[in-house]
Amino acid sequence: MNRALVVGIGDYGRLMQDLPGCANDRAGWSQALRGALGLGGTELRVRADAQATKLTLLNDLAWLLDNVSPGDQRVFFFAGHGARLRRRDPVTGIADDVIDETIVAYPGTSGDYEGFMLFDADLAAMIDQSGFPSSARLTLVMDSCHSGGMMRRLIVGEPLDVPLPRCLMIEEEEKALSRAWLAQPTVRSFGSLDRAQTQVQRVILAAARAEQPAWDDRMPNGLRHGVFSYHALNALAAQPAISFSDMVATIAPLIAARFPQVPTLLGDSSRFSNRMFN
């Protein structure tokens, strides 16, 4: 049985760093995956804004990775903020010198940033501990920034016709990363755990390189989208049998014409030349 989890967070509540294109990305990928994977009503889960808390996403991911049979396809799509954060020891409170990359869930009332971050290492561990069989296919499509602290904050009341980076701005982390002793920090790139330690192979189609922002802007159809999602969905509609490699080759020059953003493939390279969805 094929399954897909589609998450698009455009309204980040109290953080006031909204991304207006995520709603259209969420709708577009939901429709595309429903058709490409032949999904019924119970085989597709869609989470929007306040629905997409960290706890809900962890439960949804457990569902996505459960009850997998040979030949099944499971897909996780995320549109929203990414961030880079130094995790803190739960006992000492000391921040790690190594920076982890995260996707940002909808925030609760706590001011603890880690409380609504889904770290790449935790996601990888969850996948590896799931018992996901090698005879099935797991794909992650991530339309979020994998770099934090580089781009400006969205000012309340600013017009939404300007391009926006999908990078959560965390003031204290920006200050820490600017200090001399962290001028060249070690960063664990999303999805790049040691291959020898990876138990379950997956393909990650990322909207941008680890050091780049992914952009949200008004596109030629007159609507806001993630720049990556807009071009990827158009390419998939035009070529339903497109491979991962051909997808990147098709959309990369279209994105580069306006934005310093390069879509990237990570993970199981043996699947890169294969059809993305069927």
C-alpha atoms as a PDB file:
ATOM      1  CA  MET A   1       0.000   0.000   0.000  1.00  0.00           C
ATOM      2  CA  ASN A   2       1.373   3.366  -1.015  1.00  0.00           C
ATOM      3  CA  ARG A   3       1.173   6.262   1.441  1.00  0.00           C
ATOM      4  CA  ALA A   4       2.137   9.923   1.485  1.00  0.00           C
ATOM      5  CA  LEU A   5       2.402  12.593   4.149  1.00  0.00           C
ATOM      6  CA  VAL A   6       2.169  16.174   2.847  1.00  0.00           C
ATOM      7  CA  VAL A   7       2.964  19.041   5.217  1.00  0.00           C
ATOM      8  CA  GLY A   8       2.788  22.741   4.383  1.00  0.00           C
ATOM      9  CA  ILE A   9       3.198  25.354   7.112  1.00  0.00           C
ATOM     10  CA  GLY A  10       2.568  28.876   5.908  1.00  0.00           C
ATOM     11  CA  ASP A  11       1.241  30.352   9.146  1.00  0.00           C
ATOM     12  CA  TYR A  12       3.835  30.070  11.933  1.00  0.00           C
ATOM     13  CA  GLY A  13       1.674  31.713  14.549  1.00  0.00           C
ATOM     14  CA  ARG A  14       3.524  33.616  17.260  1.00  0.00           C
ATOM     15  CA  LEU A  15       6.833  33.429  15.392  1.00  0.00           C
ATOM     16  CA  MET A  16       5.457  35.913  12.824  1.00  0.00           C
ATOM     17  CA  GLN A  17       7.623  34.465  10.053  1.00  0.00           C
ATOM     18  CA  ASP A  18       4.917  33.331   7.650  1.00  0.00           C
ATOM     19  CA  LEU A  19       5.417  31.768   4.216  1.00  0.00           C
ATOM     20  CA  PRO A  20       2.413  32.481   1.972  1.00  0.00           C
ATOM     21  CA  GLY A  21       3.436  30.041  -0.784  1.00  0.00           C
ATOM     22  CA  CYS A  22       3.268  26.917   1.384  1.00  0.00           C
ATOM     23  CA  ALA A  23      -0.515  26.562   1.080  1.00  0.00           C
ATOM     24  CA  ASN A  24      -0.290  26.299  -2.712  1.00  0.00           C
ATOM     25  CA  ASP A  25       2.656  23.900  -2.470  1.00  0.00           C
ATOM     26  CA  ARG A  26       0.686  21.725  -0.064  1.00  0.00           C
ATOM     27  CA  ALA A  27      -2.304  21.622  -2.408  1.00  0.00           C
ATOM     28  CA  GLY A  28      -0.175  21.001  -5.482  1.00  0.00           C
ATOM     29  CA  TRP A  29       1.850  18.135  -4.020  1.00  0.00           C
ATOM     30  CA  SER A  30      -1.261  16.545  -2.479  1.00  0.00           C
ATOM     31  CA  GLN A  31      -2.938  16.425  -5.886  1.00  0.00           C
ATOM     32  CA  ALA A  32       0.208  15.265  -7.671  1.00  0.00           C
ATOM     33  CA  LEU A  33       0.971  12.447  -5.230  1.00  0.00           C
ATOM     34  CA  ARG A  34      -2.632  11.312  -5.066  1.00  0.00           C
ATOM     35  CA  GLY A  35      -2.542  10.773  -8.821  1.00  0.00           C
ATOM     36  CA  ALA A  36       1.032   9.504  -9.150  1.00  0.00           C
ATOM     37  CA  LEU A  37       0.739   6.945  -6.353  1.00  0.00           C
ATOM     38  CA  GLY A  38      -2.945   6.091  -6.775  1.00  0.00           C
ATOM     39  CA  LEU A  39      -3.744   7.107  -3.208  1.00  0.00           C
ATOM     40  CA  GLY A  40      -7.141   6.655  -1.648  1.00  0.00           C
ATOM     41  CA  GLY A  41      -8.597   8.895   1.042  1.00  0.00           C
ATOM     42  CA  THR A  42      -6.924   7.141   3.975  1.00  0.00           C
ATOM     43  CA  GLU A  43      -3.546   6.749   2.271  1.00  0.00           C
ATOM     44  CA  LEU A  44      -2.782  10.481   2.120  1.00  0.00           C
ATOM     45  CA  ARG A  45      -2.358  12.653   5.192  1.00  0.00           C
ATOM     46  CA  VAL A  46      -2.201  16.426   4.767  1.00  0.00           C
ATOM     47  CA  ARG A  47      -1.182  18.766   7.599  1.00  0.00           C
ATOM     48  CA  ALA A  48      -1.463  22.535   7.498  1.00  0.00           C
ATOM     49  CA  ASP A  49      -0.230  25.252   9.843  1.00  0.00           C
ATOM     50  CA  ALA A  50      -1.408  24.673  13.446  1.00  0.00           C
ATOM     51  CA  GLN A  51      -2.220  21.032  12.612  1.00  0.00           C
ATOM     52  CA  ALA A  52       1.474  20.374  12.009  1.00  0.00           C
ATOM     53  CA  THR A  53       2.866  20.315  15.534  1.00  0.00           C
ATOM     54  CA  LYS A  54       5.981  18.301  16.265  1.00  0.00           C
ATOM     55  CA  LEU A  55       3.966  15.623  18.096  1.00  0.00           C
ATOM     56  CA  THR A  56       1.496  15.314  15.231  1.00  0.00           C
ATOM     57  CA  LEU A  57       4.284  15.041  12.673  1.00  0.00           C
ATOM     58  CA  LEU A  58       6.068  12.365  14.696  1.00  0.00           C
ATOM     59  CA  ASN A  59       2.828  10.359  14.859  1.00  0.00           C
ATOM     60  CA  ASP A  60       2.239  10.870  11.136  1.00  0.00           C
ATOM     61  CA  LEU A  61       5.782   9.791  10.296  1.00  0.00           C
ATOM     62  CA  ALA A  62       5.322   6.633  12.368  1.00  0.00           C
ATOM     63  CA  TRP A  63       2.173   5.937  10.301  1.00  0.00           C
ATOM     64  CA  LEU A  64       4.070   6.608   7.078  1.00  0.00           C
ATOM     65  CA  LEU A  65       6.785   4.095   7.988  1.00  0.00           C
ATOM     66  CA  ASP A  66       4.423   1.425   9.312  1.00  0.00           C
ATOM     67  CA  ASN A  67       2.965  -1.695   7.675  1.00  0.00           C
ATOM     68  CA  VAL A  68       5.200  -1.544   4.598  1.00  0.00           C
ATOM     69  CA  SER A  69       5.085  -4.329   1.992  1.00  0.00           C
ATOM     70  CA  PRO A  70       7.523  -5.086  -0.857  1.00  0.00           C
ATOM     71  CA  GLY A  71       7.118  -2.599  -3.694  1.00  0.00           C
ATOM     72  CA  ASP A  72       5.344   0.030  -1.594  1.00  0.00           C
ATOM     73  CA  GLN A  73       6.161   3.685  -2.056  1.00  0.00           C
ATOM     74  CA  ARG A  74       6.127   6.056   0.907  1.00  0.00           C
ATOM     75  CA  VAL A  75       6.620   9.803   0.393  1.00  0.00           C
ATOM     76  CA  PHE A  76       7.096  12.660   2.857  1.00  0.00           C
ATOM     77  CA  PHE A  77       6.786  16.203   1.487  1.00  0.00           C
ATOM     78  CA  PHE A  78       7.506  19.248   3.641  1.00  0.00           C
ATOM     79  CA  ALA A  79       7.099  22.927   2.779  1.00  0.00           C
ATOM     80  CA  GLY A  80       7.992  25.383   5.507  1.00  0.00           C
ATOM     81  CA  HIS A  81      10.920  26.765   7.429  1.00  0.00           C
ATOM     82  CA  GLY A  82      14.225  25.019   7.885  1.00  0.00           C
ATOM     83  CA  ALA A  83      16.795  26.053  10.455  1.00  0.00           C
ATOM     84  CA  ARG A  84      20.218  25.324  11.850  1.00  0.00           C
ATOM     85  CA  LEU A  85      20.445  24.949  15.591  1.00  0.00           C
ATOM     86  CA  ARG A  86      22.992  23.863  18.175  1.00  0.00           C
ATOM     87  CA  ARG A  87      21.250  21.290  20.373  1.00  0.00           C
ATOM     88  CA  ARG A  88      21.550  21.703  24.112  1.00  0.00           C
ATOM     89  CA  ASP A  89      22.364  18.984  26.622  1.00  0.00           C
ATOM     90  CA  PRO A  90      19.096  18.314  28.485  1.00  0.00           C
ATOM     91  CA  VAL A  91      20.963  18.127  31.817  1.00  0.00           C
ATOM     92  CA  THR A  92      23.668  20.796  31.584  1.00  0.00           C
ATOM     93  CA  GLY A  93      22.026  23.103  29.055  1.00  0.00           C
ATOM     94  CA  ILE A  94      25.350  23.439  27.243  1.00  0.00           C
ATOM     95  CA  ALA A  95      25.011  23.966  23.491  1.00  0.00           C
ATOM     96  CA  ASP A  96      26.763  21.541  21.154  1.00  0.00           C
ATOM     97  CA  ASP A  97      29.496  22.974  18.928  1.00  0.00           C
ATOM     98  CA  VAL A  98      28.113  20.888  16.066  1.00  0.00           C
ATOM     99  CA  ILE A  99      25.151  22.460  14.300  1.00  0.00           C
ATOM    100  CA  ASP A 100      22.174  20.293  13.374  1.00  0.00           C
ATOM    101  CA  GLU A 101      19.742  21.012  10.585  1.00  0.00           C
ATOM    102  CA  THR A 102      16.037  20.885  11.254  1.00  0.00           C
ATOM    103  CA  ILE A 103      12.622  21.333   9.797  1.00  0.00           C
ATOM    104  CA  VAL A 104      10.416  23.651  11.822  1.00  0.00           C
ATOM    105  CA  ALA A 105       7.019  22.428  13.007  1.00  0.00           C
ATOM    106  CA  TYR A 106       4.234  24.697  14.222  1.00  0.00           C
ATOM    107  CA  PRO A 107       5.343  26.262  17.534  1.00  0.00           C
ATOM    108  CA  GLY A 108       3.627  25.667  20.841  1.00  0.00           C
ATOM    109  CA  THR A 109       3.556  28.165  23.667  1.00  0.00           C
ATOM    110  CA  SER A 110       6.973  27.219  25.019  1.00  0.00           C
ATOM    111  CA  GLY A 111       9.905  29.455  24.155  1.00  0.00           C
ATOM    112  CA  ASP A 112      12.149  26.392  23.787  1.00  0.00           C
ATOM    113  CA  TYR A 113      13.031  26.206  20.103  1.00  0.00           C
ATOM    114  CA  GLU A 114      13.981  22.547  20.305  1.00  0.00           C
ATOM    115  CA  GLY A 115      10.409  21.816  21.353  1.00  0.00           C
ATOM    116  CA  PHE A 116       9.128  22.432  17.810  1.00  0.00           C
ATOM    117  CA  MET A 117      12.173  21.418  15.771  1.00  0.00           C
ATOM    118  CA  LEU A 118      12.388  18.057  14.017  1.00  0.00           C
ATOM    119  CA  PHE A 119      16.111  17.389  13.776  1.00  0.00           C
ATOM    120  CA  ASP A 120      17.588  15.542  10.822  1.00  0.00           C
ATOM    121  CA  ALA A 121      19.392  13.054  13.072  1.00  0.00           C
ATOM    122  CA  ASP A 122      16.149  12.218  14.895  1.00  0.00           C
ATOM    123  CA  LEU A 123      14.280  11.768  11.619  1.00  0.00           C
ATOM    124  CA  ALA A 124      17.062   9.534  10.281  1.00  0.00           C
ATOM    125  CA  ALA A 125      17.058   7.462  13.472  1.00  0.00           C
ATOM    126  CA  MET A 126      13.293   7.089  13.276  1.00  0.00           C
ATOM    127  CA  ILE A 127      13.565   5.820   9.708  1.00  0.00           C
ATOM    128  CA  ASP A 128      16.420   3.436  10.511  1.00  0.00           C
ATOM    129  CA  GLN A 129      14.608   1.963  13.500  1.00  0.00           C
ATOM    130  CA  SER A 130      11.364   1.459  11.576  1.00  0.00           C
ATOM    131  CA  GLY A 131      12.360  -1.771   9.890  1.00  0.00           C
ATOM    132  CA  PHE A 132      11.519  -0.253   6.509  1.00  0.00           C
ATOM    133  CA  PRO A 133      12.290  -3.011   3.970  1.00  0.00           C
ATOM    134  CA  SER A 134      14.814  -2.587   1.177  1.00  0.00           C
ATOM    135  CA  SER A 135      12.171  -3.869  -1.263  1.00  0.00           C
ATOM    136  CA  ALA A 136      10.097  -0.700  -0.727  1.00  0.00           C
ATOM    137  CA  ARG A 137      10.890   2.902  -1.671  1.00  0.00           C
ATOM    138  CA  LEU A 138      11.101   5.860   0.686  1.00  0.00           C
ATOM    139  CA  THR A 139      11.298   9.398  -0.716  1.00  0.00           C
ATOM    140  CA  LEU A 140      11.584  12.724   1.106  1.00  0.00           C
ATOM    141  CA  VAL A 141      10.918  15.969  -0.780  1.00  0.00           C
ATOM    142  CA  MET A 142      11.987  18.986   1.268  1.00  0.00           C
ATOM    143  CA  ASP A 143      11.074  22.520   0.181  1.00  0.00           C
ATOM    144  CA  SER A 144      12.759  24.402   3.023  1.00  0.00           C
ATOM    145  CA  CYS A 145      16.030  26.139   3.727  1.00  0.00           C
ATOM    146  CA  HIS A 146      18.877  24.135   5.166  1.00  0.00           C
ATOM    147  CA  SER A 147      20.764  27.196   6.284  1.00  0.00           C
ATOM    148  CA  GLY A 148      19.866  29.542   9.092  1.00  0.00           C
ATOM    149  CA  GLY A 149      20.909  33.010  10.179  1.00  0.00           C
ATOM    150  CA  MET A 150      21.753  34.345   6.717  1.00  0.00           C
ATOM    151  CA  MET A 151      18.591  36.063   5.558  1.00  0.00           C
ATOM    152  CA  ARG A 152      16.582  38.929   6.954  1.00  0.00           C
ATOM    153  CA  ARG A 153      13.519  38.607   9.143  1.00  0.00           C
ATOM    154  CA  LEU A 154      10.061  39.252   7.673  1.00  0.00           C
ATOM    155  CA  ILE A 155       8.850  42.516   9.165  1.00  0.00           C
ATOM    156  CA  VAL A 156       5.252  42.571  10.375  1.00  0.00           C
ATOM    157  CA  GLY A 157       3.135  44.393   7.828  1.00  0.00           C
ATOM    158  CA  GLU A 158       5.635  43.936   5.010  1.00  0.00           C
ATOM    159  CA  PRO A 159       3.976  43.357   1.620  1.00  0.00           C
ATOM    160  CA  LEU A 160       3.849  39.717   0.600  1.00  0.00           C
ATOM    161  CA  ASP A 161       4.941  40.323  -2.974  1.00  0.00           C
ATOM    162  CA  VAL A 162       8.621  40.174  -2.038  1.00  0.00           C
ATOM    163  CA  PRO A 163      10.662  36.945  -2.209  1.00  0.00           C
ATOM    164  CA  LEU A 164      11.003  35.291   1.207  1.00  0.00           C
ATOM    165  CA  PRO A 165      13.615  32.759   2.357  1.00  0.00           C
ATOM    166  CA  ARG A 166      12.302  29.620   4.015  1.00  0.00           C
ATOM    167  CA  CYS A 167      14.813  29.931   6.857  1.00  0.00           C
ATOM    168  CA  LEU A 168      13.629  30.476  10.402  1.00  0.00           C
ATOM    169  CA  MET A 169      15.406  33.417  11.996  1.00  0.00           C
ATOM    170  CA  ILE A 170      16.505  32.636  15.564  1.00  0.00           C
ATOM    171  CA  GLU A 171      18.094  35.732  17.033  1.00  0.00           C
ATOM    172  CA  GLU A 172      20.192  34.075  19.699  1.00  0.00           C
ATOM    173  CA  GLU A 173      21.526  31.507  17.237  1.00  0.00           C
ATOM    174  CA  GLU A 174      22.411  34.212  14.731  1.00  0.00           C
ATOM    175  CA  LYS A 175      24.449  35.978  17.399  1.00  0.00           C
ATOM    176  CA  ALA A 176      26.159  32.780  18.487  1.00  0.00           C
ATOM    177  CA  LEU A 177      27.057  31.794  14.941  1.00  0.00           C
ATOM    178  CA  SER A 178      28.671  35.181  14.361  1.00  0.00           C
ATOM    179  CA  ARG A 179      31.196  34.694  17.167  1.00  0.00           C
ATOM    180  CA  ALA A 180      34.776  34.023  16.154  1.00  0.00           C
ATOM    181  CA  TRP A 181      34.941  30.606  17.789  1.00  0.00           C
ATOM    182  CA  LEU A 182      32.079  29.448  15.604  1.00  0.00           C
ATOM    183  CA  ALA A 183      33.252  31.178  12.444  1.00  0.00           C
ATOM    184  CA  GLN A 184      33.659  27.799  10.758  1.00  0.00           C
ATOM    185  CA  PRO A 185      31.360  25.437  12.667  1.00  0.00           C
ATOM    186  CA  THR A 186      30.811  21.808  11.799  1.00  0.00           C
ATOM    187  CA  VAL A 187      27.373  21.287  10.294  1.00  0.00           C
ATOM    188  CA  ARG A 188      25.542  18.003   9.997  1.00  0.00           C
ATOM    189  CA  SER A 189      23.894  18.370   6.594  1.00  0.00           C
ATOM    190  CA  PHE A 190      20.321  17.174   6.287  1.00  0.00           C
ATOM    191  CA  GLY A 191      20.231  13.512   5.319  1.00  0.00           C
ATOM    192  CA  SER A 192      23.999  13.101   5.296  1.00  0.00           C
ATOM    193  CA  LEU A 193      24.502  10.651   8.139  1.00  0.00           C
ATOM    194  CA  ASP A 194      27.381   8.206   7.808  1.00  0.00           C
ATOM    195  CA  ARG A 195      26.349   5.755   5.081  1.00  0.00           C
ATOM    196  CA  ALA A 196      27.769   2.871   7.114  1.00  0.00           C
ATOM    197  CA  GLN A 197      25.343   3.720   9.929  1.00  0.00           C
ATOM    198  CA  THR A 198      22.302   4.122   7.645  1.00  0.00           C
ATOM    199  CA  GLN A 199      20.065   1.068   7.875  1.00  0.00           C
ATOM    200  CA  VAL A 200      17.261   2.191   5.547  1.00  0.00           C
ATOM    201  CA  GLN A 201      18.051   3.720   2.177  1.00  0.00           C
ATOM    202  CA  ARG A 202      16.053   6.743   1.101  1.00  0.00           C
ATOM    203  CA  VAL A 203      16.166   9.446  -1.541  1.00  0.00           C
ATOM    204  CA  ILE A 204      16.018  13.049  -0.403  1.00  0.00           C
ATOM    205  CA  LEU A 205      15.136  15.650  -3.021  1.00  0.00           C
ATOM    206  CA  ALA A 206      16.077  18.940  -1.363  1.00  0.00           C
ATOM    207  CA  ALA A 207      15.039  22.332  -2.682  1.00  0.00           C
ATOM    208  CA  ALA A 208      18.485  23.831  -2.094  1.00  0.00           C
ATOM    209  CA  ARG A 209      22.022  22.988  -1.130  1.00  0.00           C
ATOM    210  CA  ALA A 210      22.860  22.843   2.553  1.00  0.00           C
ATOM    211  CA  GLU A 211      24.284  26.368   2.613  1.00  0.00           C
ATOM    212  CA  GLN A 212      21.503  27.963   0.561  1.00  0.00           C
ATOM    213  CA  PRO A 213      18.059  29.373   1.274  1.00  0.00           C
ATOM    214  CA  ALA A 214      15.009  28.039  -0.535  1.00  0.00           C
ATOM    215  CA  TRP A 215      12.781  30.828  -1.815  1.00  0.00           C
ATOM    216  CA  ASP A 216       9.058  31.599  -1.640  1.00  0.00           C
ATOM    217  CA  ASP A 217       7.797  34.052  -4.284  1.00  0.00           C
ATOM    218  CA  ARG A 218       4.990  34.961  -6.668  1.00  0.00           C
ATOM    219  CA  MET A 219       5.316  32.780  -9.746  1.00  0.00           C
ATOM    220  CA  PRO A 220       4.154  33.169 -13.385  1.00  0.00           C
ATOM    221  CA  ASN A 221       0.741  31.659 -12.570  1.00  0.00           C
ATOM    222  CA  GLY A 222       0.107  34.689 -10.346  1.00  0.00           C
ATOM    223  CA  LEU A 223       0.226  32.686  -7.088  1.00  0.00           C
ATOM    224  CA  ARG A 224       2.783  32.338  -4.304  1.00  0.00           C
ATOM    225  CA  HIS A 225       4.779  29.093  -4.276  1.00  0.00           C
ATOM    226  CA  GLY A 226       8.050  27.694  -3.206  1.00  0.00           C
ATOM    227  CA  VAL A 227      10.219  28.319  -6.262  1.00  0.00           C
ATOM    228  CA  PHE A 228      11.357  24.693  -6.153  1.00  0.00           C
ATOM    229  CA  SER A 229       7.840  23.259  -5.778  1.00  0.00           C
ATOM    230  CA  TYR A 230       6.421  25.383  -8.576  1.00  0.00           C
ATOM    231  CA  HIS A 231       8.964  24.141 -11.115  1.00  0.00           C
ATOM    232  CA  ALA A 232       9.034  20.562  -9.786  1.00  0.00           C
ATOM    233  CA  LEU A 233       5.258  20.178 -10.017  1.00  0.00           C
ATOM    234  CA  ASN A 234       5.252  21.601 -13.552  1.00  0.00           C
ATOM    235  CA  ALA A 235       7.990  19.160 -14.561  1.00  0.00           C
ATOM    236  CA  LEU A 236       6.126  16.232 -12.995  1.00  0.00           C
ATOM    237  CA  ALA A 237       2.903  17.195 -14.776  1.00  0.00           C
ATOM    238  CA  ALA A 238       4.708  17.415 -18.119  1.00  0.00           C
ATOM    239  CA  GLN A 239       6.701  14.201 -17.580  1.00  0.00           C
ATOM    240  CA  PRO A 240       4.931  11.824 -15.168  1.00  0.00           C
ATOM    241  CA  ALA A 241       7.700   9.249 -15.669  1.00  0.00           C
ATOM    242  CA  ILE A 242      10.503  11.714 -14.897  1.00  0.00           C
ATOM    243  CA  SER A 243      13.494  10.394 -12.955  1.00  0.00           C
ATOM    244  CA  PHE A 244      15.071  12.085  -9.949  1.00  0.00           C
ATOM    245  CA  SER A 245      18.137  13.050 -11.971  1.00  0.00           C
ATOM    246  CA  ASP A 246      16.083  14.420 -14.849  1.00  0.00           C
ATOM    247  CA  MET A 247      13.932  16.372 -12.422  1.00  0.00           C
ATOM    248  CA  VAL A 248      16.987  18.189 -11.049  1.00  0.00           C
ATOM    249  CA  ALA A 249      18.426  18.708 -14.543  1.00  0.00           C
ATOM    250  CA  THR A 250      15.110  20.125 -15.768  1.00  0.00           C
ATOM    251  CA  ILE A 251      14.345  22.571 -12.963  1.00  0.00           C
ATOM    252  CA  ALA A 252      17.815  23.679 -11.847  1.00  0.00           C
ATOM    253  CA  PRO A 253      18.395  26.137 -14.737  1.00  0.00           C
ATOM    254  CA  LEU A 254      14.856  27.528 -14.412  1.00  0.00           C
ATOM    255  CA  ILE A 255      15.436  28.262 -10.726  1.00  0.00           C
ATOM    256  CA  ALA A 256      18.962  29.587 -11.262  1.00  0.00           C
ATOM    257  CA  ALA A 257      17.654  32.170 -13.728  1.00  0.00           C
ATOM    258  CA  ARG A 258      16.226  34.139 -10.779  1.00  0.00           C
ATOM    259  CA  PHE A 259      17.444  32.638  -7.509  1.00  0.00           C
ATOM    260  CA  PRO A 260      20.763  31.408  -6.037  1.00  0.00           C
ATOM    261  CA  GLN A 261      19.209  28.048  -5.215  1.00  0.00           C
ATOM    262  CA  VAL A 262      20.289  24.629  -6.502  1.00  0.00           C
ATOM    263  CA  PRO A 263      18.038  21.574  -5.959  1.00  0.00           C
ATOM    264  CA  THR A 264      20.020  18.608  -4.696  1.00  0.00           C
ATOM    265  CA  LEU A 265      19.706  14.834  -4.482  1.00  0.00           C
ATOM    266  CA  LEU A 266      20.908  12.928  -1.411  1.00  0.00           C
ATOM    267  CA  GLY A 267      20.763   9.329  -0.279  1.00  0.00           C
ATOM    268  CA  ASP A 268      20.398   6.182  -2.380  1.00  0.00           C
ATOM    269  CA  SER A 269      22.147   7.100  -5.633  1.00  0.00           C
ATOM    270  CA  SER A 270      21.081   3.810  -7.235  1.00  0.00           C
ATOM    271  CA  ARG A 271      17.571   5.270  -7.512  1.00  0.00           C
ATOM    272  CA  PHE A 272      18.535   8.646  -8.960  1.00  0.00           C
ATOM    273  CA  SER A 273      18.049   7.486 -12.564  1.00  0.00           C
ATOM    274  CA  ASN A 274      14.761   5.751 -11.726  1.00  0.00           C
ATOM    275  CA  ARG A 275      11.267   7.114 -12.156  1.00  0.00           C
ATOM    276  CA  MET A 276      10.333   9.230  -9.137  1.00  0.00           C
ATOM    277  CA  PHE A 277       6.768   7.949  -8.691  1.00  0.00           C
ATOM    278  CA  ASN A 278       4.710   5.243 -10.358  1.00  0.00           C
END
